[in-house]
Amino acid sequence: MKRVMFVCKKNSARSQMAEGFAKALGAETVNVTSSGLEASQVNPGAIAAMSAVGIDISDQASKPLSDFKPEDFDIVISLCGCGVNLPTEWVQQEVFEDWQLDDPAEQPEIFPRVRDEVKERVVRLIEALSAAPVEQPLA
């Protein structure tokens, strides 16, 4: 089981949605958490967007990256292009990717599109790690 950290600026939307999808679709493949360069709160738009596809992230909390140790993770994924701002040890893990997705917190109308982009990338990640198609019973 691979240990995955999704990280974003504030851990309020993109990284929270990625955590929700990974928990729902990759429970057998990944152990996942998310964090931010700074903690804030889970964006209500992210909660609503995920609820629309049958995933409840309302119990997730925003956490600062400083609460975690890079050596506790195999895979580190930035969702906002913040990889350049991460401490070096975070980008030197087994796998580091910087997905650079648009920020729906600034444009709430794009939450559904960003959610779908996050899902597509999380599915690809899980499939790459498991070498098997991901079952997607979600809308």
Protein backbone atom coordinates (compact mmCIF):
# COMPACT_ATOMS: atom_id res chain seq x y z
CA MET A 1 0.00 0.00 0.00
CA LYS A 2 1.49 3.33 -1.11
CA ARG A 3 1.32 6.36 1.18
CA VAL A 4 0.15 9.45 -0.69
CA MET A 5 0.22 13.11 0.34
CA PHE A 6 -1.86 15.57 -1.70
CA VAL A 7 -0.69 19.09 -0.97
CA CYS A 8 -2.00 22.50 -1.99
CA LYS A 9 -1.67 26.08 -0.79
CA LYS A 10 -4.45 26.06 1.78
CA ASN A 11 -5.72 22.45 1.78
CA SER A 12 -9.25 23.72 1.25
CA ALA A 13 -10.46 22.49 -2.17
CA ARG A 14 -8.30 20.64 -4.73
CA SER A 15 -6.27 18.60 -2.25
CA GLN A 16 -9.40 17.84 -0.22
CA MET A 17 -11.22 16.57 -3.32
CA ALA A 18 -8.18 14.45 -4.26
CA GLU A 19 -8.12 12.96 -0.76
CA GLY A 20 -11.85 12.17 -1.01
CA PHE A 21 -11.52 10.48 -4.41
CA ALA A 22 -8.44 8.50 -3.37
CA LYS A 23 -10.16 7.23 -0.23
CA ALA A 24 -13.31 6.27 -2.17
CA LEU A 25 -11.63 4.75 -5.23
CA GLY A 26 -8.27 3.53 -3.97
CA ALA A 27 -8.88 2.16 -0.49
CA GLU A 28 -7.12 -1.11 -1.42
CA THR A 29 -4.16 0.65 -3.08
CA VAL A 30 -3.34 3.86 -1.23
CA ASN A 31 -3.23 5.28 2.25
CA VAL A 32 -3.93 8.96 1.69
CA THR A 33 -3.98 12.30 3.43
CA SER A 34 -3.84 15.91 2.33
CA SER A 35 -2.34 19.09 3.68
CA GLY A 36 -1.56 22.68 2.78
CA LEU A 37 1.40 25.01 2.91
CA GLU A 38 -0.90 26.68 5.42
CA ALA A 39 -4.08 25.25 6.91
CA SER A 40 -7.45 26.91 6.46
CA GLN A 41 -10.82 25.15 6.26
CA VAL A 42 -12.49 22.84 3.78
CA ASN A 43 -14.25 24.98 1.19
CA PRO A 44 -18.06 24.50 1.19
CA GLY A 45 -17.91 24.48 -2.63
CA ALA A 46 -15.58 21.47 -2.52
CA ILE A 47 -17.92 19.68 -0.13
CA ALA A 48 -20.90 20.41 -2.42
CA ALA A 49 -19.04 19.39 -5.60
CA MET A 50 -17.99 16.08 -4.06
CA SER A 51 -21.46 15.46 -2.61
CA ALA A 52 -22.85 15.82 -6.14
CA VAL A 53 -20.87 12.69 -7.14
CA GLY A 54 -21.71 10.75 -3.98
CA ILE A 55 -18.59 11.38 -1.89
CA ASP A 56 -18.90 13.01 1.53
CA ILE A 57 -15.79 14.99 2.52
CA SER A 58 -17.57 17.08 5.16
CA ASP A 59 -15.65 15.31 7.94
CA GLN A 60 -12.23 16.07 6.42
CA ALA A 61 -10.15 18.84 7.99
CA SER A 62 -7.53 21.21 6.63
CA LYS A 63 -4.07 20.36 7.97
CA PRO A 64 -0.70 22.14 7.66
CA LEU A 65 2.11 20.30 5.85
CA SER A 66 4.31 21.04 8.86
CA ASP A 67 2.30 18.45 10.84
CA PHE A 68 3.78 15.67 8.67
CA LYS A 69 7.18 14.14 7.86
CA PRO A 70 8.14 13.61 4.19
CA GLU A 71 9.68 10.21 4.94
CA ASP A 72 6.22 8.95 5.94
CA PHE A 73 5.04 9.23 2.29
CA ASP A 74 5.97 7.45 -0.94
CA ILE A 75 4.11 9.81 -3.26
CA VAL A 76 3.73 13.57 -2.97
CA ILE A 77 1.39 15.39 -5.34
CA SER A 78 0.95 19.14 -5.51
CA LEU A 79 -2.34 20.21 -7.05
CA CYS A 80 -1.69 23.92 -7.43
CA GLY A 81 1.79 24.41 -8.78
CA CYS A 82 3.06 24.97 -5.25
CA GLY A 83 5.77 22.35 -5.69
CA VAL A 84 8.35 25.10 -6.08
CA ASN A 85 7.42 26.30 -2.59
CA LEU A 86 7.67 22.91 -0.89
CA PRO A 87 10.66 22.08 1.27
CA THR A 88 13.19 20.09 -0.79
CA GLU A 89 12.68 16.84 1.13
CA TRP A 90 9.03 16.74 -0.01
CA VAL A 91 9.86 16.87 -3.73
CA GLN A 92 12.51 14.16 -3.37
CA GLN A 93 10.16 11.34 -2.41
CA GLU A 94 9.75 8.20 -4.57
CA VAL A 95 7.21 10.01 -6.76
CA PHE A 96 6.57 13.75 -6.94
CA GLU A 97 4.08 15.30 -9.36
CA ASP A 98 2.79 18.85 -9.72
CA TRP A 99 -0.67 18.76 -11.32
CA GLN A 100 -1.19 22.56 -11.47
CA LEU A 101 -4.99 22.61 -11.50
CA ASP A 102 -7.08 25.79 -11.52
CA ASP A 103 -8.22 27.11 -8.14
CA PRO A 104 -12.01 26.85 -7.81
CA ALA A 105 -11.95 28.90 -4.60
CA GLU A 106 -11.35 31.95 -6.79
CA GLN A 107 -14.00 30.92 -9.35
CA PRO A 108 -16.72 28.83 -7.67
CA GLU A 109 -18.42 28.08 -11.01
CA ILE A 110 -15.45 25.87 -12.02
CA PHE A 111 -15.76 23.49 -9.04
CA PRO A 112 -17.43 20.74 -11.15
CA ARG A 113 -14.74 20.92 -13.87
CA VAL A 114 -11.86 20.94 -11.40
CA ARG A 115 -13.49 18.10 -9.42
CA ASP A 116 -13.70 16.02 -12.60
CA GLU A 117 -10.06 16.81 -13.48
CA VAL A 118 -8.99 15.78 -9.97
CA LYS A 119 -10.97 12.54 -10.27
CA GLU A 120 -9.42 11.70 -13.65
CA ARG A 121 -5.89 12.21 -12.31
CA VAL A 122 -6.56 10.29 -9.08
CA VAL A 123 -7.99 7.39 -11.12
CA ARG A 124 -4.87 7.36 -13.33
CA LEU A 125 -2.62 7.43 -10.25
CA ILE A 126 -4.44 4.53 -8.59
CA GLU A 127 -4.46 2.52 -11.82
CA ALA A 128 -0.71 3.09 -12.24
CA LEU A 129 -0.09 1.89 -8.68
CA SER A 130 -2.41 -1.10 -8.87
CA ALA A 131 -1.92 -2.04 -12.54
CA ALA A 132 -5.69 -2.64 -12.71
CA PRO A 133 -8.67 -0.54 -13.82
CA VAL A 134 -10.37 1.40 -11.05
CA GLU A 135 -13.99 0.52 -10.39
CA GLN A 136 -15.95 3.77 -10.70
CA PRO A 137 -19.48 3.35 -9.39
CA LEU A 138 -19.62 7.11 -8.82
CA ALA A 139 -21.38 9.51 -11.20
